[in-house]
Protein backbone atom coordinates (compact mmCIF):
# COMPACT_ATOMS: atom_id res chain seq x y z
CA MET A 1 5.85 20.33 -13.96
CA ASN A 2 4.81 21.09 -10.38
CA PHE A 3 4.02 17.40 -9.92
CA ALA A 4 7.63 16.41 -10.66
CA LEU A 5 9.00 19.08 -8.32
CA ALA A 6 6.61 17.96 -5.57
CA GLY A 7 7.82 14.37 -5.97
CA ILE A 8 11.47 15.43 -5.85
CA VAL A 9 10.91 17.51 -2.71
CA ALA A 10 9.04 14.65 -1.02
CA GLY A 11 11.89 12.30 -1.93
CA LEU A 12 14.55 14.67 -0.56
CA ILE A 13 12.62 15.13 2.69
CA SER A 14 12.19 11.38 3.10
CA PHE A 15 15.83 10.65 2.28
CA GLY A 16 17.08 13.38 4.62
CA VAL A 17 14.74 12.66 7.55
CA THR A 18 15.19 8.89 7.61
CA PRO A 19 18.70 8.88 9.21
CA TRP A 20 17.32 11.08 11.99
CA VAL A 21 14.41 8.64 12.42
CA ILE A 22 16.89 5.75 12.59
CA ASP A 23 18.72 7.46 15.47
CA LEU A 24 15.41 8.28 17.13
CA ALA A 25 14.25 4.68 16.83
CA ARG A 26 17.45 3.43 18.45
CA ASN A 27 17.14 5.90 21.30
CA TRP A 28 13.47 5.07 21.89
CA LYS A 29 14.06 1.32 21.50
CA LEU A 30 11.76 1.08 18.50
CA LEU A 31 13.70 -1.94 17.33
CA ASP A 32 13.04 -5.36 15.85
CA ASN A 33 15.27 -8.23 16.90
CA PRO A 34 13.97 -11.73 16.06
CA LYS A 35 15.83 -13.12 19.07
CA ASN A 36 13.90 -10.90 21.47
CA ARG A 37 10.62 -10.52 19.55
CA TYR A 38 9.34 -13.61 17.83
CA HIS A 39 7.20 -13.02 14.77
CA PRO A 40 6.27 -15.81 12.34
CA ALA A 41 6.73 -13.54 9.30
CA HIS A 42 10.28 -12.44 10.14
CA THR A 43 12.78 -12.74 7.29
CA HIS A 44 15.64 -10.61 8.66
CA HIS A 45 18.44 -11.19 11.13
CA GLY A 46 19.87 -8.82 13.70
CA THR A 47 18.44 -5.62 15.16
CA VAL A 48 16.69 -3.24 12.77
CA PRO A 49 14.86 0.02 13.63
CA ARG A 50 11.14 -0.19 12.85
CA ALA A 51 9.87 3.42 12.76
CA GLY A 52 10.07 4.12 9.02
CA GLY A 53 6.46 5.28 8.96
CA LEU A 54 7.48 8.48 10.77
CA ALA A 55 9.84 9.51 7.94
CA LEU A 56 7.25 8.68 5.30
CA PHE A 57 4.55 10.64 7.09
CA ALA A 58 6.82 13.68 7.44
CA ALA A 59 7.70 13.63 3.73
CA ILE A 60 4.12 13.19 2.49
CA ALA A 61 2.54 15.67 4.93
CA ILE A 62 5.12 18.43 4.40
CA ALA A 63 5.03 18.06 0.61
CA MET A 64 1.22 18.11 0.63
CA LEU A 65 1.19 21.35 2.64
CA LEU A 66 3.76 22.88 0.27
CA TYR A 67 2.23 21.87 -3.08
CA LEU A 68 -1.47 21.22 -2.51
CA PRO A 69 -4.23 23.63 -1.52
CA VAL A 70 -5.38 23.32 2.08
CA THR A 71 -8.82 21.80 1.65
CA LYS A 72 -11.03 19.58 3.75
CA LEU A 73 -9.73 16.58 1.81
CA THR A 74 -6.02 17.34 2.27
CA VAL A 75 -6.49 18.03 5.98
CA GLY A 76 -8.47 14.80 6.35
CA ILE A 77 -5.75 12.80 4.60
CA ILE A 78 -3.04 14.24 6.86
CA VAL A 79 -5.13 13.52 9.97
CA ALA A 80 -5.69 9.93 8.83
CA LEU A 81 -1.96 9.48 8.11
CA ALA A 82 -1.14 10.92 11.54
CA LEU A 83 -3.43 8.34 13.17
CA LEU A 84 -1.70 5.52 11.32
CA THR A 85 1.77 6.91 12.11
CA ILE A 86 1.10 7.23 15.85
CA THR A 87 -0.35 3.72 15.91
CA GLY A 88 2.70 2.47 14.06
CA ILE A 89 5.11 4.06 16.53
CA ILE A 90 3.25 2.52 19.47
CA ASP A 91 3.25 -0.83 17.68
CA ASP A 92 6.98 -0.47 17.03
CA LYS A 93 7.53 0.00 20.76
CA ARG A 94 5.17 -2.67 22.03
CA ASP A 95 3.26 -4.91 19.65
CA ILE A 96 -0.38 -3.85 19.58
CA ASN A 97 -3.13 -6.45 19.35
CA PRO A 98 -3.98 -6.77 15.63
CA TYR A 99 -7.65 -6.13 16.34
CA ILE A 100 -6.76 -2.77 17.91
CA ARG A 101 -4.64 -1.93 14.85
CA LEU A 102 -7.59 -2.96 12.69
CA GLY A 103 -9.91 -0.64 14.63
CA ILE A 104 -7.60 2.35 14.23
CA GLY A 105 -7.24 1.55 10.54
CA ILE A 106 -11.03 1.62 10.27
CA LEU A 107 -11.06 5.02 12.00
CA ALA A 108 -8.47 6.40 9.55
CA VAL A 109 -10.50 5.17 6.59
CA ILE A 110 -13.68 6.72 8.02
CA VAL A 111 -11.85 10.04 8.34
CA VAL A 112 -10.87 10.18 4.66
CA ILE A 113 -14.29 9.02 3.52
CA GLY A 114 -15.87 11.64 5.76
CA VAL A 115 -13.96 14.41 3.97
CA GLY A 116 -15.08 13.29 0.53
CA ALA A 117 -13.10 10.25 -0.61
CA GLY A 118 -16.09 8.25 -1.79
CA ILE A 119 -16.48 6.29 -5.02
CA PRO A 120 -19.47 7.78 -6.88
CA PHE A 121 -19.18 5.40 -9.83
CA VAL A 122 -17.08 2.56 -11.22
CA THR A 123 -16.63 1.29 -14.76
CA ASN A 124 -18.38 -1.97 -15.54
CA PRO A 125 -15.51 -4.16 -16.85
CA ILE A 126 -17.91 -6.39 -18.78
CA THR A 127 -20.07 -3.87 -20.67
CA GLY A 128 -17.80 -0.82 -20.46
CA GLY A 129 -20.65 1.21 -19.01
CA VAL A 130 -20.74 3.04 -15.69
CA ILE A 131 -22.16 1.68 -12.43
CA ASP A 132 -23.68 4.57 -10.47
CA LEU A 133 -23.09 4.26 -6.71
CA GLN A 134 -24.91 7.49 -5.80
CA THR A 135 -28.42 6.08 -5.88
CA TRP A 136 -28.81 5.71 -2.10
CA ARG A 137 -28.42 8.95 -0.17
CA LEU A 138 -29.07 9.47 3.56
CA SER A 139 -29.50 13.07 4.74
CA PHE A 140 -29.33 14.30 8.33
CA ASP A 141 -28.85 17.43 10.43
CA PHE A 142 -25.77 17.66 12.66
CA PHE A 143 -24.50 21.23 13.08
CA GLY A 144 -25.82 21.76 9.57
CA LYS A 145 -27.18 19.61 6.79
CA HIS A 146 -25.14 16.59 5.71
CA SER A 147 -25.67 13.58 3.49
CA ILE A 148 -24.10 10.16 3.05
CA LEU A 149 -23.89 8.34 -0.27
CA VAL A 150 -24.28 4.89 1.23
CA TRP A 151 -23.09 2.68 -1.63
CA ALA A 152 -20.32 5.07 -2.66
CA ASP A 153 -18.96 5.36 0.88
CA LEU A 154 -19.37 1.65 1.66
CA PHE A 155 -17.52 0.66 -1.52
CA ALA A 156 -14.74 3.14 -0.69
CA PHE A 157 -14.49 1.73 2.84
CA VAL A 158 -14.06 -1.85 1.61
CA TRP A 159 -11.59 -0.75 -1.07
CA LEU A 160 -9.37 1.27 1.31
CA MET A 161 -9.35 -1.43 3.98
CA TRP A 162 -8.38 -3.92 1.28
CA THR A 163 -5.48 -1.86 -0.10
CA MET A 164 -4.12 -1.15 3.39
CA HIS A 165 -3.92 -4.85 4.13
CA ILE A 166 -2.66 -6.22 0.82
CA VAL A 167 0.20 -3.71 0.72
CA GLY A 168 1.10 -4.41 4.33
CA TRP A 169 1.19 -8.14 3.75
CA SER A 170 3.71 -7.67 0.92
CA ALA A 171 6.31 -5.84 3.01
CA GLY A 172 8.31 -8.72 4.41
CA VAL A 173 11.61 -8.37 2.51
CA ASP A 174 14.13 -5.53 2.39
CA GLY A 175 13.03 -2.94 -0.17
CA GLN A 176 10.09 -5.00 -1.38
CA MET A 177 7.19 -2.73 -0.43
CA PRO A 178 8.68 0.76 -1.04
CA GLY A 179 9.78 -0.30 -4.52
CA PHE A 180 6.38 -1.40 -5.79
CA VAL A 181 4.74 1.59 -4.07
CA VAL A 182 7.01 3.89 -6.12
CA VAL A 183 5.98 2.09 -9.31
CA SER A 184 2.29 2.19 -8.36
CA GLY A 185 2.41 5.88 -7.44
CA ILE A 186 4.04 6.79 -10.75
CA VAL A 187 1.52 4.75 -12.75
CA LEU A 188 -1.45 6.32 -10.95
CA GLY A 189 0.16 9.75 -11.34
CA LEU A 190 0.54 9.26 -15.09
CA LEU A 191 -3.07 8.09 -15.29
CA SER A 192 -4.25 11.21 -13.47
CA LEU A 193 -2.00 13.42 -15.64
CA ARG A 194 -3.68 12.00 -18.71
CA TYR A 195 -7.06 13.24 -17.46
CA SER A 196 -5.76 16.58 -16.17
CA ALA A 197 -5.43 17.76 -19.77
CA VAL A 198 -9.23 17.87 -20.03
CA ASP A 199 -10.01 18.33 -16.34
CA PRO A 200 -7.61 20.67 -14.48
CA SER A 201 -9.09 19.50 -11.16
CA GLN A 202 -7.09 16.28 -11.64
CA LEU A 203 -3.76 18.12 -11.33
CA PRO A 204 -3.75 18.01 -7.48
CA VAL A 205 -4.27 14.24 -7.73
CA THR A 206 -1.28 14.00 -10.07
CA ILE A 207 0.79 16.02 -7.59
CA LEU A 208 -0.34 13.80 -4.70
CA ALA A 209 0.58 10.64 -6.62
CA PHE A 210 4.10 11.90 -7.32
CA ILE A 211 4.45 13.02 -3.69
CA VAL A 212 3.69 9.45 -2.59
CA ALA A 213 6.07 7.98 -5.16
CA GLY A 214 8.80 10.47 -4.21
CA ALA A 215 8.45 9.86 -0.48
CA PHE A 216 8.85 6.10 -0.87
CA LEU A 217 11.66 6.53 -3.39
CA GLY A 218 13.57 8.65 -0.89
CA PHE A 219 13.01 6.01 1.78
CA LEU A 220 14.03 3.12 -0.48
CA PRO A 221 17.87 3.52 -0.22
CA TRP A 222 17.59 3.02 3.54
CA ASN A 223 15.33 -0.02 3.19
CA VAL A 224 17.01 -2.06 0.42
CA TYR A 225 19.13 -5.04 1.40
CA PRO A 226 20.71 -4.85 3.90
CA GLN A 227 17.98 -2.62 5.34
CA LYS A 228 18.89 0.12 7.80
CA ILE A 229 15.26 0.69 8.81
CA MET A 230 11.91 -1.04 8.34
CA PRO A 231 8.71 0.76 7.29
CA GLY A 232 6.92 -0.68 10.31
CA HIS A 233 3.16 -0.90 10.68
CA GLY A 234 2.86 2.85 10.15
CA GLY A 235 4.73 2.83 6.85
CA LYS A 236 2.80 -0.14 5.51
CA THR A 237 -0.63 1.27 6.32
CA ILE A 238 0.33 4.71 4.97
CA ALA A 239 1.33 3.06 1.68
CA GLY A 240 -1.88 1.07 1.41
CA LEU A 241 -4.14 3.99 2.31
CA MET A 242 -2.47 6.39 -0.13
CA LEU A 243 -2.49 3.96 -3.07
CA GLY A 244 -6.14 3.18 -2.39
CA LEU A 245 -6.96 6.89 -2.25
CA LEU A 246 -5.12 7.58 -5.49
CA GLY A 247 -7.14 4.84 -7.15
CA ILE A 248 -10.30 6.63 -6.01
CA LEU A 249 -9.23 10.18 -6.79
CA SER A 250 -7.85 9.46 -10.28
CA TYR A 251 -11.37 9.28 -11.70
CA GLY A 252 -12.14 6.12 -9.75
CA LYS A 253 -9.69 4.02 -11.77
CA LEU A 254 -9.67 1.16 -9.29
CA GLY A 255 -8.91 -1.34 -12.02
CA THR A 256 -5.56 0.32 -12.72
CA ALA A 257 -4.64 0.35 -9.03
CA LEU A 258 -5.76 -3.25 -8.67
CA LEU A 259 -3.74 -4.40 -11.66
CA VAL A 260 -0.51 -2.60 -10.74
CA LEU A 261 -0.92 -4.20 -7.29
CA GLY A 262 -1.61 -7.55 -8.93
CA ILE A 263 0.98 -9.58 -7.03
CA PRO A 264 0.01 -8.25 -3.55
CA THR A 265 -3.66 -8.73 -4.49
CA ILE A 266 -3.28 -12.38 -5.49
CA ASP A 267 -1.05 -13.07 -2.50
CA ALA A 268 -3.64 -11.51 -0.16
CA LEU A 269 -6.50 -13.56 -1.65
CA TYR A 270 -4.45 -16.73 -1.28
CA THR A 271 -3.54 -15.75 2.30
CA LEU A 272 -7.17 -15.11 3.28
CA ILE A 273 -8.35 -18.42 1.80
CA ARG A 274 -5.48 -20.30 3.42
CA ARG A 275 -5.92 -18.79 6.87
CA ILE A 276 -9.70 -19.10 6.95
CA GLY A 277 -9.47 -22.62 5.51
CA HIS A 278 -7.24 -23.59 8.43
CA GLY A 279 -9.66 -22.04 10.91
CA LYS A 280 -7.33 -19.11 11.74
CA SER A 281 -8.10 -15.43 12.04
CA PRO A 282 -7.14 -13.58 8.82
CA VAL A 283 -5.51 -10.76 10.84
CA TRP A 284 -2.94 -12.96 12.62
CA ALA A 285 0.38 -13.12 10.80
CA ASP A 286 2.07 -16.29 9.57
CA ARG A 287 4.92 -17.35 7.32
CA GLY A 288 3.03 -18.27 4.18
CA HIS A 289 3.16 -15.27 1.86
CA LEU A 290 4.60 -15.40 -1.65
CA HIS A 291 7.86 -13.74 -0.57
CA HIS A 292 8.30 -16.41 2.14
CA ARG A 293 7.78 -19.12 -0.47
CA LEU A 294 10.32 -17.54 -2.78
CA LEU A 295 12.84 -17.34 0.07
CA ASP A 296 12.21 -21.02 0.78
CA LEU A 297 13.07 -21.73 -2.86
CA GLY A 298 16.47 -20.17 -2.29
CA TRP A 299 15.82 -16.72 -3.69
CA GLY A 300 17.75 -13.91 -2.03
CA ARG A 301 16.09 -10.80 -0.64
CA ARG A 302 17.33 -8.63 -3.49
CA ARG A 303 15.88 -11.02 -6.06
CA VAL A 304 12.49 -11.14 -4.30
CA ALA A 305 12.32 -7.34 -4.14
CA LEU A 306 13.31 -6.98 -7.81
CA PHE A 307 10.67 -9.55 -8.75
CA TYR A 308 7.94 -7.47 -7.07
CA TRP A 309 9.22 -4.23 -8.61
CA GLY A 310 9.54 -5.72 -12.08
CA VAL A 311 6.14 -7.38 -12.17
CA SER A 312 4.51 -4.21 -10.81
CA ALA A 313 6.19 -2.14 -13.54
CA ILE A 314 5.05 -4.54 -16.28
CA LEU A 315 1.48 -4.65 -14.97
CA GLY A 316 1.49 -0.86 -14.57
CA ALA A 317 2.53 -0.37 -18.18
CA ILE A 318 -0.20 -2.78 -19.28
CA ALA A 319 -2.77 -0.99 -17.10
CA LEU A 320 -2.06 2.33 -18.82
CA ALA A 321 -2.57 0.82 -22.28
CA VAL A 322 -5.59 -1.48 -22.02
CA THR A 323 -9.34 -1.19 -21.48
CA SER A 324 -11.19 -2.04 -18.26
CA ARG A 325 -12.22 -5.44 -19.61
CA GLN A 326 -8.64 -6.25 -20.61
CA LYS A 327 -7.47 -5.26 -17.12
CA VAL A 328 -9.81 -7.86 -15.63
CA PHE A 329 -8.55 -10.57 -17.99
CA THR A 330 -4.94 -9.63 -17.26
CA LEU A 331 -5.54 -9.75 -13.50
CA LEU A 332 -7.26 -13.14 -13.84
CA LEU A 333 -4.28 -14.42 -15.84
CA VAL A 334 -1.87 -13.18 -13.17
CA GLY A 335 -4.08 -14.81 -10.55
CA VAL A 336 -4.00 -18.16 -12.31
CA VAL A 337 -0.22 -18.07 -12.76
CA ILE A 338 0.63 -16.91 -9.22
CA GLY A 339 -2.11 -19.05 -7.64
CA GLY A 340 -0.90 -22.12 -9.49
CA PHE A 341 2.67 -21.39 -8.44
CA LEU A 342 1.65 -21.07 -4.78
CA LEU A 343 -0.33 -24.32 -4.93
CA TRP A 344 2.65 -26.06 -6.50
CA LEU A 345 4.89 -24.81 -3.71
CA LYS A 346 2.40 -25.98 -1.09
CA TYR A 347 1.74 -29.48 -2.42
CA PHE A 348 4.61 -30.49 -4.72
CA TRP A 349 7.70 -28.49 -3.79
CA GLN A 350 8.64 -30.91 -1.03
CA PHE A 351 9.25 -33.53 -3.72
CA SER A 352 11.83 -31.30 -5.41
CA LYS A 353 15.31 -30.55 -4.15
CA PRO A 354 15.45 -26.91 -2.95
CA HIS A 355 18.28 -24.63 -3.95
CA ASP A 356 20.84 -23.51 -1.43
CA PRO A 357 19.82 -20.09 -0.09
CA ASP A 358 21.97 -17.13 -1.03
CA SER A 359 22.87 -14.20 1.23
CA GLY A 360 20.42 -11.74 -0.21
């Protein structure tokens, strides 16, 4: 039960450190006030500290050092998380150009891929067979012999960049993102635990998954409505990177990670199509995500957060019980339902009378 203890310790660290981070953020002026800092995606009112990524990094890094062996992979993960945390703190102080944030995110992903977080194979959801991504290898000498699995590393790069962004785009309402990250971490941890019975090397992955879930669970009481602190850019990118990594490390079960993140995935696809269709850069924020649409319908912040948590839990339970092909069909069904709902809101909602908004 080391995985459960690791999750509890990560949660206690996160819960205990966050008040200190709140005070630190106020002293360093790492604050978000819509009156002083306009942002099209804002949903909150008043001044809220933004540096939640620092508390999450502390909880995950300390728990990893306590419960995981110090390997090249664990060190690489901590270095990548440190890069994202520092970037997040700077962004909390003075908004960084999104292309600079994108570049540092790319660097963090390269770090974890460089220490071994590639995707050697994926399951073919149509035939049930395995697609081998190790067929193209480049070898070179640089202070010793090294090799790159081109397709495996390229696929991992795209996957990790994708998860970092879809999770970050679904963090606009109090408690929304930490809640579904907890659910996703637990689901991926249970998936890894299932395989650890036959492959003991999966146990560190199980521990890492519960560390991530515990860290965000400890942070959640400070972020639910009315939030005392926001995860900030650092917290959002840490969440996306870790969930993407867990999808890779738990025997490459990307389908499970993709399904449990079904709502953020569909929202991100819709956002990309909408922004590009309007001739806008996909990295510039706007007020058109699913949670914004739900708020426009009159939903309160608590209801929006519970919706994300609940759907993630349902999809996570389905993901643990179905085959790869069934995961694809389930995700397509979710895509049709959510996509249709978003299109209805865009083109027909103005003909309906909206509800009066509640207080949260």
